[in-house]
Amino acid sequence: MVQAKSWTLVKHFDGFPKDGDFQLKKFAASGVRRPFSRFHMKEGDVMIGTQVAKVVQSKNPEFPVGSHVVSNSGWRSHSVSDGTDLTPIMADWPSDVSLSLALGSIGMPGLTALYGIEEVLGLQQNETLLVNAAAGAVGNVVGQIAKIKGCKVVGSAGSDAKVAYLKELGFDEAFNYKTVPSLEEALKNAAPEGYDCLFENVGGYFSTVALPQMKTFGRIAVCGSISTYNDGTPQTGPYPHMTMIVKQLKMEGFTQNRWQHKNPESLKRMIGWLQEGKLKCREHITEGFENMPAAFMGLLRGDNIGKAVVAV
C-alpha cells in the first residue's frame, strides 16, 4: 500500500479561486488494479492537471518500472492507470534537458504554440504577429517560433519584468499593457503597418482593441481567454462582427490535440530548436505538493514567467 495524496475541488470558483475551494485528501493507493473510469469535473472531483510521473509499479511491459510518462491524472501524488491515458517520454529525450519541460515548451504548451502558428495561422516569413499573454507558457514559445520563421513579433505582457524577458527572447516590440497610457496607441506604435496575425490568449477588452489593428485578410488563432476566466458574470460587447466583415478577418478557435498525430515529429523539431539555442525555456517552479492551490492561484494572477510547474 502506498500513502497517496490528492487535491479536490470543494466547490466551483465564484470569481477568483480561494484557499477554501480546495481540500487535500490522503488515501491508501493499493497496487496495480483497474482504474476508475474518467468523469467530468464537478465539486468533489480531483483537480484536473498534467504531470510528468515516474512508474513505480507496473504489470505493463510498455511502461517498465523507472520509466517516465506524461499523465493527465490531475493533482495526485500517486495514481493507477491501465496505460491508455499515458504518453511515454520520447526515448531519445536528451539527458541534459529537464523532464519538466515535457509539461511546457516541449509539451502541450509548446505544441499549442507550434500548431497555432503553422496549422491555424499559416504564418509566413516577413509577416507581423501580435501575441498577448506573451510571457506565459504558450505565448513565449509563440514569439520564439515566429522569430525562427523570420517574422516581426510584438508581445504584450503584464509586468516590466515580463517585458524585459520578451526582449531577451528577441521580440521586436514588447509593452506592459497595465502601464501604457493607451492600449490602442501602444499597438499602433509597435506596428504602424498593422498585424497580419494575432495569437489570442486573453480575449475581452484586449481583443476588442486589437481587432481593428489587423490588416485586411488578417488571421486570428484563438487559444485562450484568460481575461474572462474569473468572471462571475459574463462580459458583454462590443461585438467584432463589423470589423471582421470590413477587414475580411479569419478567426479560428483550436486546441492542440487536433494534430496529436504529428506530435512525435513536432517534439523532435522543438528539441532540435532547443539544442540549437533557437528556443529558450523558462519555468516558474513552486516546491511542494501542499502548495498546489497557491501555485494555481498565482498562475491566474499572472505571477509566472514561462510555464508554472509544481515540483513534488
C-alpha atoms as a PDB file:
ATOM      1  CA  MET A   1       0.000   0.000   0.000  1.00  0.00           C
ATOM      2  CA  VAL A   2       1.228   3.495  -0.877  1.00  0.00           C
ATOM      3  CA  GLN A   3       0.231   6.583   1.132  1.00  0.00           C
ATOM      4  CA  ALA A   4      -1.054   8.949  -1.578  1.00  0.00           C
ATOM      5  CA  LYS A   5      -2.460  12.482  -1.652  1.00  0.00           C
ATOM      6  CA  SER A   6      -4.779  14.410  -3.930  1.00  0.00           C
ATOM      7  CA  TRP A   7      -6.283  17.897  -4.145  1.00  0.00           C
ATOM      8  CA  THR A   8     -10.033  18.009  -4.726  1.00  0.00           C
ATOM      9  CA  LEU A   9     -12.391  20.790  -5.773  1.00  0.00           C
ATOM     10  CA  VAL A  10     -14.627  21.539  -2.767  1.00  0.00           C
ATOM     11  CA  LYS A  11     -16.845  23.976  -4.650  1.00  0.00           C
ATOM     12  CA  HIS A  12     -16.798  25.702  -8.018  1.00  0.00           C
ATOM     13  CA  PHE A  13     -14.943  29.000  -8.121  1.00  0.00           C
ATOM     14  CA  ASP A  14     -17.011  32.120  -7.517  1.00  0.00           C
ATOM     15  CA  GLY A  15     -14.779  34.742  -9.127  1.00  0.00           C
ATOM     16  CA  PHE A  16     -11.099  34.318  -8.233  1.00  0.00           C
ATOM     17  CA  PRO A  17     -10.262  30.958  -6.538  1.00  0.00           C
ATOM     18  CA  LYS A  18      -9.847  30.893  -2.741  1.00  0.00           C
ATOM     19  CA  ASP A  19      -7.969  28.542  -0.408  1.00  0.00           C
ATOM     20  CA  GLY A  20     -11.270  27.150   0.826  1.00  0.00           C
ATOM     21  CA  ASP A  21     -12.181  25.964  -2.673  1.00  0.00           C
ATOM     22  CA  PHE A  22      -9.624  23.140  -2.365  1.00  0.00           C
ATOM     23  CA  GLN A  23      -9.211  20.194   0.000  1.00  0.00           C
ATOM     24  CA  LEU A  24      -6.149  17.994   0.465  1.00  0.00           C
ATOM     25  CA  LYS A  25      -7.047  14.338   0.915  1.00  0.00           C
ATOM     26  CA  LYS A  26      -4.859  11.405   1.883  1.00  0.00           C
ATOM     27  CA  PHE A  27      -5.639   7.838   0.914  1.00  0.00           C
ATOM     28  CA  ALA A  28      -4.066   4.414   0.632  1.00  0.00           C
ATOM     29  CA  ALA A  29      -3.359   3.579  -3.008  1.00  0.00           C
ATOM     30  CA  SER A  30      -3.380  -0.181  -3.498  1.00  0.00           C
ATOM     31  CA  GLY A  31      -1.225  -1.975  -6.013  1.00  0.00           C
ATOM     32  CA  VAL A  32      -1.844  -2.047  -9.732  1.00  0.00           C
ATOM     33  CA  ARG A  33      -5.584  -2.546 -10.436  1.00  0.00           C
ATOM     34  CA  ARG A  34      -8.314  -1.382 -12.838  1.00  0.00           C
ATOM     35  CA  PRO A  35      -8.592   2.429 -12.730  1.00  0.00           C
ATOM     36  CA  PHE A  36     -11.816   4.268 -12.159  1.00  0.00           C
ATOM     37  CA  SER A  37     -13.499   5.492 -15.330  1.00  0.00           C
ATOM     38  CA  ARG A  38     -12.998   9.098 -16.293  1.00  0.00           C
ATOM     39  CA  PHE A  39     -15.591  11.589 -15.119  1.00  0.00           C
ATOM     40  CA  HIS A  40     -16.316  15.217 -15.734  1.00  0.00           C
ATOM     41  CA  MET A  41     -15.065  17.901 -13.377  1.00  0.00           C
ATOM     42  CA  LYS A  42     -17.559  18.616 -10.600  1.00  0.00           C
ATOM     43  CA  GLU A  43     -17.426  19.525  -6.933  1.00  0.00           C
ATOM     44  CA  GLY A  44     -15.635  16.770  -5.051  1.00  0.00           C
ATOM     45  CA  ASP A  45     -13.519  15.732  -8.047  1.00  0.00           C
ATOM     46  CA  VAL A  46      -9.740  15.660  -8.064  1.00  0.00           C
ATOM     47  CA  MET A  47      -8.410  18.849  -9.645  1.00  0.00           C
ATOM     48  CA  ILE A  48      -7.504  18.341 -13.294  1.00  0.00           C
ATOM     49  CA  GLY A  49      -3.901  18.724 -14.392  1.00  0.00           C
ATOM     50  CA  THR A  50      -0.977  17.130 -16.201  1.00  0.00           C
ATOM     51  CA  GLN A  51       2.164  15.709 -14.669  1.00  0.00           C
ATOM     52  CA  VAL A  52       5.450  14.086 -15.554  1.00  0.00           C
ATOM     53  CA  ALA A  53       5.406  10.925 -13.467  1.00  0.00           C
ATOM     54  CA  LYS A  54       7.723   8.025 -12.709  1.00  0.00           C
ATOM     55  CA  VAL A  55       6.416   4.470 -12.949  1.00  0.00           C
ATOM     56  CA  VAL A  56       6.889   2.822  -9.525  1.00  0.00           C
ATOM     57  CA  GLN A  57       4.862  -0.389 -10.109  1.00  0.00           C
ATOM     58  CA  SER A  58       3.932  -1.981 -13.413  1.00  0.00           C
ATOM     59  CA  LYS A  59       2.374  -5.051 -15.000  1.00  0.00           C
ATOM     60  CA  ASN A  60       2.547  -3.467 -18.454  1.00  0.00           C
ATOM     61  CA  PRO A  61       5.781  -4.097 -20.405  1.00  0.00           C
ATOM     62  CA  GLU A  62       5.270  -0.852 -22.339  1.00  0.00           C
ATOM     63  CA  PHE A  63       5.725   1.080 -19.084  1.00  0.00           C
ATOM     64  CA  PRO A  64       8.571  -0.523 -17.129  1.00  0.00           C
ATOM     65  CA  VAL A  65       9.348   0.497 -13.560  1.00  0.00           C
ATOM     66  CA  GLY A  66      11.619   3.531 -13.576  1.00  0.00           C
ATOM     67  CA  SER A  67      10.352   4.921 -16.874  1.00  0.00           C
ATOM     68  CA  HIS A  68       8.758   8.366 -17.127  1.00  0.00           C
ATOM     69  CA  VAL A  69       5.416   9.308 -18.660  1.00  0.00           C
ATOM     70  CA  VAL A  70       3.177  12.315 -19.176  1.00  0.00           C
ATOM     71  CA  SER A  71      -0.089  11.689 -17.370  1.00  0.00           C
ATOM     72  CA  ASN A  72      -3.394  13.554 -17.116  1.00  0.00           C
ATOM     73  CA  SER A  73      -4.040  12.172 -13.640  1.00  0.00           C
ATOM     74  CA  GLY A  74      -4.723  15.523 -12.029  1.00  0.00           C
ATOM     75  CA  TRP A  75      -3.447  16.827  -8.716  1.00  0.00           C
ATOM     76  CA  ARG A  76      -2.385  13.482  -7.259  1.00  0.00           C
ATOM     77  CA  SER A  77       0.847  12.255  -5.744  1.00  0.00           C
ATOM     78  CA  HIS A  78       0.137   8.702  -6.975  1.00  0.00           C
ATOM     79  CA  SER A  79      -2.319   7.225  -9.476  1.00  0.00           C
ATOM     80  CA  VAL A  80      -3.131   3.921 -11.148  1.00  0.00           C
ATOM     81  CA  SER A  81      -3.561   3.539 -14.911  1.00  0.00           C
ATOM     82  CA  ASP A  82      -4.063   0.832 -17.495  1.00  0.00           C
ATOM     83  CA  GLY A  83      -1.680   2.798 -19.734  1.00  0.00           C
ATOM     84  CA  THR A  84      -4.233   4.132 -22.217  1.00  0.00           C
ATOM     85  CA  ASP A  85      -4.008   7.649 -20.776  1.00  0.00           C
ATOM     86  CA  LEU A  86      -0.203   7.733 -20.514  1.00  0.00           C
ATOM     87  CA  THR A  87       2.316   9.075 -23.010  1.00  0.00           C
ATOM     88  CA  PRO A  88       5.890   7.811 -22.649  1.00  0.00           C
ATOM     89  CA  ILE A  89       8.591  10.463 -22.617  1.00  0.00           C
ATOM     90  CA  MET A  90      10.315  10.259 -26.013  1.00  0.00           C
ATOM     91  CA  ALA A  91      13.056   7.618 -25.936  1.00  0.00           C
ATOM     92  CA  ASP A  92      15.780   9.984 -27.155  1.00  0.00           C
ATOM     93  CA  TRP A  93      14.967  12.776 -24.686  1.00  0.00           C
ATOM     94  CA  PRO A  94      18.337  14.496 -24.075  1.00  0.00           C
ATOM     95  CA  SER A  95      19.841  13.736 -20.673  1.00  0.00           C
ATOM     96  CA  ASP A  96      20.723  17.409 -20.135  1.00  0.00           C
ATOM     97  CA  VAL A  97      17.132  18.623 -20.663  1.00  0.00           C
ATOM     98  CA  SER A  98      14.828  18.697 -17.645  1.00  0.00           C
ATOM     99  CA  LEU A  99      11.902  16.284 -17.902  1.00  0.00           C
ATOM    100  CA  SER A 100       9.637  19.037 -16.583  1.00  0.00           C
ATOM    101  CA  LEU A 101       9.862  20.716 -19.996  1.00  0.00           C
ATOM    102  CA  ALA A 102       7.541  17.941 -21.215  1.00  0.00           C
ATOM    103  CA  LEU A 103       4.866  19.950 -19.387  1.00  0.00           C
ATOM    104  CA  GLY A 104       5.900  23.202 -21.033  1.00  0.00           C
ATOM    105  CA  SER A 105       7.877  24.256 -24.076  1.00  0.00           C
ATOM    106  CA  ILE A 106       8.496  20.651 -25.194  1.00  0.00           C
ATOM    107  CA  GLY A 107       4.975  19.560 -24.300  1.00  0.00           C
ATOM    108  CA  MET A 108       1.371  20.672 -24.614  1.00  0.00           C
ATOM    109  CA  PRO A 109       2.003  24.451 -24.381  1.00  0.00           C
ATOM    110  CA  GLY A 110       4.807  24.282 -26.940  1.00  0.00           C
ATOM    111  CA  LEU A 111       2.706  22.161 -29.276  1.00  0.00           C
ATOM    112  CA  THR A 112      -0.155  24.630 -28.871  1.00  0.00           C
ATOM    113  CA  ALA A 113       2.169  27.422 -29.979  1.00  0.00           C
ATOM    114  CA  LEU A 114       3.517  25.422 -32.927  1.00  0.00           C
ATOM    115  CA  TYR A 115       0.160  24.237 -34.257  1.00  0.00           C
ATOM    116  CA  GLY A 116      -1.453  27.624 -33.743  1.00  0.00           C
ATOM    117  CA  ILE A 117       1.256  29.215 -35.870  1.00  0.00           C
ATOM    118  CA  GLU A 118       1.581  26.556 -38.566  1.00  0.00           C
ATOM    119  CA  GLU A 119      -1.837  24.905 -38.802  1.00  0.00           C
ATOM    120  CA  VAL A 120      -4.212  27.733 -37.865  1.00  0.00           C
ATOM    121  CA  LEU A 121      -2.438  30.959 -38.817  1.00  0.00           C
ATOM    122  CA  GLY A 122      -0.214  29.664 -41.602  1.00  0.00           C
ATOM    123  CA  LEU A 123       2.324  32.326 -40.582  1.00  0.00           C
ATOM    124  CA  GLN A 124       4.662  33.343 -43.399  1.00  0.00           C
ATOM    125  CA  GLN A 125       8.118  34.937 -43.429  1.00  0.00           C
ATOM    126  CA  ASN A 126       8.140  38.749 -43.039  1.00  0.00           C
ATOM    127  CA  GLU A 127       4.604  38.865 -41.617  1.00  0.00           C
ATOM    128  CA  THR A 128       3.810  40.711 -38.380  1.00  0.00           C
ATOM    129  CA  LEU A 129       2.462  38.706 -35.435  1.00  0.00           C
ATOM    130  CA  LEU A 130       0.866  40.000 -32.235  1.00  0.00           C
ATOM    131  CA  VAL A 131       0.688  37.711 -29.204  1.00  0.00           C
ATOM    132  CA  ASN A 132      -0.809  38.636 -25.817  1.00  0.00           C
ATOM    133  CA  ALA A 133      -0.001  36.953 -22.501  1.00  0.00           C
ATOM    134  CA  ALA A 134       3.327  36.719 -24.296  1.00  0.00           C
ATOM    135  CA  ALA A 135       5.439  35.767 -21.274  1.00  0.00           C
ATOM    136  CA  GLY A 136       3.244  32.785 -20.407  1.00  0.00           C
ATOM    137  CA  ALA A 137       3.830  29.123 -21.162  1.00  0.00           C
ATOM    138  CA  VAL A 138       2.315  29.333 -24.647  1.00  0.00           C
ATOM    139  CA  GLY A 139       2.927  32.967 -25.549  1.00  0.00           C
ATOM    140  CA  ASN A 140       6.704  33.000 -25.148  1.00  0.00           C
ATOM    141  CA  VAL A 141       7.033  29.954 -27.410  1.00  0.00           C
ATOM    142  CA  VAL A 142       4.715  31.569 -29.972  1.00  0.00           C
ATOM    143  CA  GLY A 143       7.015  34.565 -30.200  1.00  0.00           C
ATOM    144  CA  GLN A 144      10.173  32.486 -30.460  1.00  0.00           C
ATOM    145  CA  ILE A 145       8.806  30.234 -33.208  1.00  0.00           C
ATOM    146  CA  ALA A 146       7.624  33.301 -35.127  1.00  0.00           C
ATOM    147  CA  LYS A 147      11.154  34.735 -34.947  1.00  0.00           C
ATOM    148  CA  ILE A 148      12.571  31.403 -36.171  1.00  0.00           C
ATOM    149  CA  LYS A 149      10.256  31.792 -39.167  1.00  0.00           C
ATOM    150  CA  GLY A 150      11.560  35.278 -39.916  1.00  0.00           C
ATOM    151  CA  CYS A 151       8.626  37.376 -38.714  1.00  0.00           C
ATOM    152  CA  LYS A 152       8.198  40.623 -36.814  1.00  0.00           C
ATOM    153  CA  VAL A 153       6.846  39.839 -33.338  1.00  0.00           C
ATOM    154  CA  VAL A 154       5.010  42.148 -30.936  1.00  0.00           C
ATOM    155  CA  GLY A 155       4.222  40.910 -27.441  1.00  0.00           C
ATOM    156  CA  SER A 156       2.032  42.207 -24.637  1.00  0.00           C
ATOM    157  CA  ALA A 157       2.615  41.230 -21.002  1.00  0.00           C
ATOM    158  CA  GLY A 158       1.563  42.357 -17.531  1.00  0.00           C
ATOM    159  CA  SER A 159       4.791  43.489 -15.846  1.00  0.00           C
ATOM    160  CA  ASP A 160       8.042  45.246 -16.669  1.00  0.00           C
ATOM    161  CA  ALA A 161       9.974  42.093 -15.730  1.00  0.00           C
ATOM    162  CA  LYS A 162       7.964  40.118 -18.276  1.00  0.00           C
ATOM    163  CA  VAL A 163       8.563  42.757 -20.939  1.00  0.00           C
ATOM    164  CA  ALA A 164      12.300  42.581 -20.260  1.00  0.00           C
ATOM    165  CA  TYR A 165      12.148  38.797 -20.644  1.00  0.00           C
ATOM    166  CA  LEU A 166      10.407  39.128 -24.010  1.00  0.00           C
ATOM    167  CA  LYS A 167      13.164  41.453 -25.190  1.00  0.00           C
ATOM    168  CA  GLU A 168      15.720  38.839 -24.099  1.00  0.00           C
ATOM    169  CA  LEU A 169      13.909  36.298 -26.257  1.00  0.00           C
ATOM    170  CA  GLY A 170      14.210  38.517 -29.305  1.00  0.00           C
ATOM    171  CA  PHE A 171      10.723  40.018 -29.573  1.00  0.00           C
ATOM    172  CA  ASP A 172      10.883  43.077 -31.840  1.00  0.00           C
ATOM    173  CA  GLU A 173       8.471  45.059 -29.668  1.00  0.00           C
ATOM    174  CA  ALA A 174       7.007  44.421 -26.230  1.00  0.00           C
ATOM    175  CA  PHE A 175       4.986  46.510 -23.800  1.00  0.00           C
ATOM    176  CA  ASN A 176       3.301  46.329 -20.395  1.00  0.00           C
ATOM    177  CA  TYR A 177      -0.417  46.585 -21.100  1.00  0.00           C
ATOM    178  CA  LYS A 178      -1.069  47.568 -17.460  1.00  0.00           C
ATOM    179  CA  THR A 179       1.024  50.738 -17.604  1.00  0.00           C
ATOM    180  CA  VAL A 180       0.723  52.059 -21.163  1.00  0.00           C
ATOM    181  CA  PRO A 181      -1.482  55.181 -21.326  1.00  0.00           C
ATOM    182  CA  SER A 182      -3.449  53.731 -24.229  1.00  0.00           C
ATOM    183  CA  LEU A 183      -3.567  50.112 -25.391  1.00  0.00           C
ATOM    184  CA  GLU A 184      -4.688  51.270 -28.828  1.00  0.00           C
ATOM    185  CA  GLU A 185      -1.732  53.630 -29.195  1.00  0.00           C
ATOM    186  CA  ALA A 186       0.697  51.008 -27.893  1.00  0.00           C
ATOM    187  CA  LEU A 187      -0.482  48.575 -30.554  1.00  0.00           C
ATOM    188  CA  LYS A 188      -0.276  51.220 -33.290  1.00  0.00           C
ATOM    189  CA  ASN A 189       3.198  52.365 -32.232  1.00  0.00           C
ATOM    190  CA  ALA A 190       4.518  48.797 -32.121  1.00  0.00           C
ATOM    191  CA  ALA A 191       3.311  48.017 -35.651  1.00  0.00           C
ATOM    192  CA  PRO A 192       2.053  51.095 -37.554  1.00  0.00           C
ATOM    193  CA  GLU A 193       1.516  48.915 -40.613  1.00  0.00           C
ATOM    194  CA  GLY A 194      -0.904  46.670 -38.706  1.00  0.00           C
ATOM    195  CA  TYR A 195      -0.887  42.966 -37.892  1.00  0.00           C
ATOM    196  CA  ASP A 196      -1.132  40.005 -40.245  1.00  0.00           C
ATOM    197  CA  CYS A 197      -1.732  37.553 -37.400  1.00  0.00           C
ATOM    198  CA  LEU A 198      -2.968  37.606 -33.795  1.00  0.00           C
ATOM    199  CA  PHE A 199      -2.312  34.725 -31.426  1.00  0.00           C
ATOM    200  CA  GLU A 200      -5.105  35.301 -28.926  1.00  0.00           C
ATOM    201  CA  ASN A 201      -4.638  34.165 -25.319  1.00  0.00           C
ATOM    202  CA  VAL A 202      -6.513  36.923 -23.477  1.00  0.00           C
ATOM    203  CA  GLY A 203      -9.832  37.885 -25.085  1.00  0.00           C
ATOM    204  CA  GLY A 204     -12.077  40.554 -23.563  1.00  0.00           C
ATOM    205  CA  TYR A 205     -11.043  44.199 -23.834  1.00  0.00           C
ATOM    206  CA  PHE A 206      -7.667  43.404 -25.402  1.00  0.00           C
ATOM    207  CA  SER A 207      -9.343  41.611 -28.275  1.00  0.00           C
ATOM    208  CA  THR A 208     -11.776  44.493 -28.783  1.00  0.00           C
ATOM    209  CA  VAL A 209      -8.891  46.938 -29.171  1.00  0.00           C
ATOM    210  CA  ALA A 210      -6.630  44.630 -31.196  1.00  0.00           C
ATOM    211  CA  LEU A 211      -9.005  43.522 -33.950  1.00  0.00           C
ATOM    212  CA  PRO A 212      -9.224  46.977 -35.606  1.00  0.00           C
ATOM    213  CA  GLN A 213      -5.399  46.926 -35.821  1.00  0.00           C
ATOM    214  CA  MET A 214      -5.441  43.837 -38.031  1.00  0.00           C
ATOM    215  CA  LYS A 215      -4.590  44.098 -41.703  1.00  0.00           C
ATOM    216  CA  THR A 216      -7.176  43.176 -44.316  1.00  0.00           C
ATOM    217  CA  PHE A 217      -7.371  39.367 -44.566  1.00  0.00           C
ATOM    218  CA  GLY A 218      -5.726  39.064 -41.141  1.00  0.00           C
ATOM    219  CA  ARG A 219      -5.864  35.744 -39.280  1.00  0.00           C
ATOM    220  CA  ILE A 220      -6.593  35.174 -35.591  1.00  0.00           C
ATOM    221  CA  ALA A 221      -5.844  31.951 -33.698  1.00  0.00           C
ATOM    222  CA  VAL A 222      -7.916  31.807 -30.509  1.00  0.00           C
ATOM    223  CA  CYS A 223      -6.097  29.738 -27.908  1.00  0.00           C
ATOM    224  CA  GLY A 224      -7.352  31.232 -24.641  1.00  0.00           C
ATOM    225  CA  SER A 225      -9.422  33.925 -22.970  1.00  0.00           C
ATOM    226  CA  ILE A 226      -7.693  34.417 -19.649  1.00  0.00           C
ATOM    227  CA  SER A 227      -9.235  37.846 -19.047  1.00  0.00           C
ATOM    228  CA  THR A 228     -12.637  36.170 -18.667  1.00  0.00           C
ATOM    229  CA  TYR A 229     -11.740  33.049 -16.649  1.00  0.00           C
ATOM    230  CA  ASN A 230     -12.580  34.551 -13.250  1.00  0.00           C
ATOM    231  CA  ASP A 231     -15.696  36.449 -14.283  1.00  0.00           C
ATOM    232  CA  GLY A 232     -18.754  35.796 -12.149  1.00  0.00           C
ATOM    233  CA  THR A 233     -20.902  37.492 -14.792  1.00  0.00           C
ATOM    234  CA  PRO A 234     -20.038  37.019 -18.477  1.00  0.00           C
ATOM    235  CA  GLN A 235     -18.628  40.085 -20.250  1.00  0.00           C
ATOM    236  CA  THR A 236     -20.774  41.614 -22.977  1.00  0.00           C
ATOM    237  CA  GLY A 237     -19.914  43.640 -26.115  1.00  0.00           C
ATOM    238  CA  PRO A 238     -18.671  45.490 -28.009  1.00  0.00           C
ATOM    239  CA  TYR A 239     -19.057  42.946 -30.775  1.00  0.00           C
ATOM    240  CA  PRO A 240     -16.441  42.389 -33.511  1.00  0.00           C
ATOM    241  CA  HIS A 241     -18.624  41.402 -36.449  1.00  0.00           C
ATOM    242  CA  MET A 242     -18.443  44.612 -38.490  1.00  0.00           C
ATOM    243  CA  THR A 243     -14.677  44.825 -38.043  1.00  0.00           C
ATOM    244  CA  MET A 244     -14.341  41.218 -39.173  1.00  0.00           C
ATOM    245  CA  ILE A 245     -16.569  41.825 -42.177  1.00  0.00           C
ATOM    246  CA  VAL A 246     -14.881  45.041 -43.341  1.00  0.00           C
ATOM    247  CA  LYS A 247     -11.357  43.668 -42.854  1.00  0.00           C
ATOM    248  CA  GLN A 248     -12.355  40.168 -44.016  1.00  0.00           C
ATOM    249  CA  LEU A 249     -10.696  38.595 -40.997  1.00  0.00           C
ATOM    250  CA  LYS A 250     -10.462  34.872 -40.321  1.00  0.00           C
ATOM    251  CA  MET A 251     -10.779  33.726 -36.677  1.00  0.00           C
ATOM    252  CA  GLU A 252     -10.432  30.122 -35.535  1.00  0.00           C
ATOM    253  CA  GLY A 253     -10.501  28.556 -32.094  1.00  0.00           C
ATOM    254  CA  PHE A 254      -8.395  25.454 -31.521  1.00  0.00           C
ATOM    255  CA  THR A 255      -6.776  23.005 -29.128  1.00  0.00           C
ATOM    256  CA  GLN A 256      -3.543  21.233 -29.905  1.00  0.00           C
ATOM    257  CA  ASN A 257      -4.909  17.690 -29.683  1.00  0.00           C
ATOM    258  CA  ARG A 258      -6.425  18.094 -33.166  1.00  0.00           C
ATOM    259  CA  TRP A 259      -2.939  17.422 -34.560  1.00  0.00           C
ATOM    260  CA  GLN A 260      -1.683  14.917 -31.972  1.00  0.00           C
ATOM    261  CA  HIS A 261      -0.772  12.510 -34.785  1.00  0.00           C
ATOM    262  CA  LYS A 262       2.036  14.968 -35.577  1.00  0.00           C
ATOM    263  CA  ASN A 263       3.366  15.152 -32.008  1.00  0.00           C
ATOM    264  CA  PRO A 264       6.386  12.804 -32.320  1.00  0.00           C
ATOM    265  CA  GLU A 265       7.830  14.726 -35.278  1.00  0.00           C
ATOM    266  CA  SER A 266       6.863  18.104 -33.781  1.00  0.00           C
ATOM    267  CA  LEU A 267       8.515  17.379 -30.425  1.00  0.00           C
ATOM    268  CA  LYS A 268      11.728  16.339 -32.185  1.00  0.00           C
ATOM    269  CA  ARG A 269      11.736  19.640 -34.098  1.00  0.00           C
ATOM    270  CA  MET A 270      11.297  21.588 -30.878  1.00  0.00           C
ATOM    271  CA  ILE A 271      14.019  19.639 -29.078  1.00  0.00           C
ATOM    272  CA  GLY A 272      16.241  20.479 -32.054  1.00  0.00           C
ATOM    273  CA  TRP A 273      15.486  24.201 -31.736  1.00  0.00           C
ATOM    274  CA  LEU A 274      16.240  23.982 -28.012  1.00  0.00           C
ATOM    275  CA  GLN A 275      19.604  22.317 -28.600  1.00  0.00           C
ATOM    276  CA  GLU A 276      20.466  24.834 -31.336  1.00  0.00           C
ATOM    277  CA  GLY A 277      19.762  27.721 -28.951  1.00  0.00           C
ATOM    278  CA  LYS A 278      16.831  28.981 -31.040  1.00  0.00           C
ATOM    279  CA  LEU A 279      14.260  28.104 -28.375  1.00  0.00           C
ATOM    280  CA  LYS A 280      14.789  29.189 -24.782  1.00  0.00           C
ATOM    281  CA  CYS A 281      12.761  27.741 -21.932  1.00  0.00           C
ATOM    282  CA  ARG A 282      11.938  29.266 -18.570  1.00  0.00           C
ATOM    283  CA  GLU A 283       9.905  27.770 -15.745  1.00  0.00           C
ATOM    284  CA  HIS A 284       8.209  29.227 -12.681  1.00  0.00           C
ATOM    285  CA  ILE A 285       8.712  26.453 -10.117  1.00  0.00           C
ATOM    286  CA  THR A 286       6.782  26.067  -6.857  1.00  0.00           C
ATOM    287  CA  GLU A 287       8.123  23.438  -4.442  1.00  0.00           C
ATOM    288  CA  GLY A 288       5.810  21.041  -2.642  1.00  0.00           C
ATOM    289  CA  PHE A 289       2.584  19.162  -3.334  1.00  0.00           C
ATOM    290  CA  GLU A 290       0.885  21.032  -0.488  1.00  0.00           C
ATOM    291  CA  ASN A 291       1.398  24.313  -2.345  1.00  0.00           C
ATOM    292  CA  MET A 292      -0.537  23.400  -5.485  1.00  0.00           C
ATOM    293  CA  PRO A 293      -3.559  25.660  -4.790  1.00  0.00           C
ATOM    294  CA  ALA A 294      -1.253  28.611  -4.111  1.00  0.00           C
ATOM    295  CA  ALA A 295       0.634  27.921  -7.346  1.00  0.00           C
ATOM    296  CA  PHE A 296      -2.639  27.708  -9.264  1.00  0.00           C
ATOM    297  CA  MET A 297      -3.910  30.999  -7.891  1.00  0.00           C
ATOM    298  CA  GLY A 298      -0.545  32.607  -8.632  1.00  0.00           C
ATOM    299  CA  LEU A 299      -0.877  31.433 -12.236  1.00  0.00           C
ATOM    300  CA  LEU A 300      -4.277  33.145 -12.537  1.00  0.00           C
ATOM    301  CA  ARG A 301      -2.776  36.338 -11.064  1.00  0.00           C
ATOM    302  CA  GLY A 302      -0.040  36.227 -13.683  1.00  0.00           C
ATOM    303  CA  ASP A 303       2.822  35.645 -11.221  1.00  0.00           C
ATOM    304  CA  ASN A 304       4.636  33.280 -13.566  1.00  0.00           C
ATOM    305  CA  ILE A 305       7.095  33.911 -16.369  1.00  0.00           C
ATOM    306  CA  GLY A 306       7.080  30.839 -18.576  1.00  0.00           C
ATOM    307  CA  LYS A 307       5.453  27.560 -17.561  1.00  0.00           C
ATOM    308  CA  ALA A 308       4.169  27.264 -13.980  1.00  0.00           C
ATOM    309  CA  VAL A 309       5.312  23.927 -12.524  1.00  0.00           C
ATOM    310  CA  VAL A 310       4.936  22.320  -9.095  1.00  0.00           C
ATOM    311  CA  ALA A 311       7.899  20.142  -8.108  1.00  0.00           C
ATOM    312  CA  VAL A 312       6.908  17.235  -5.841  1.00  0.00           C
END
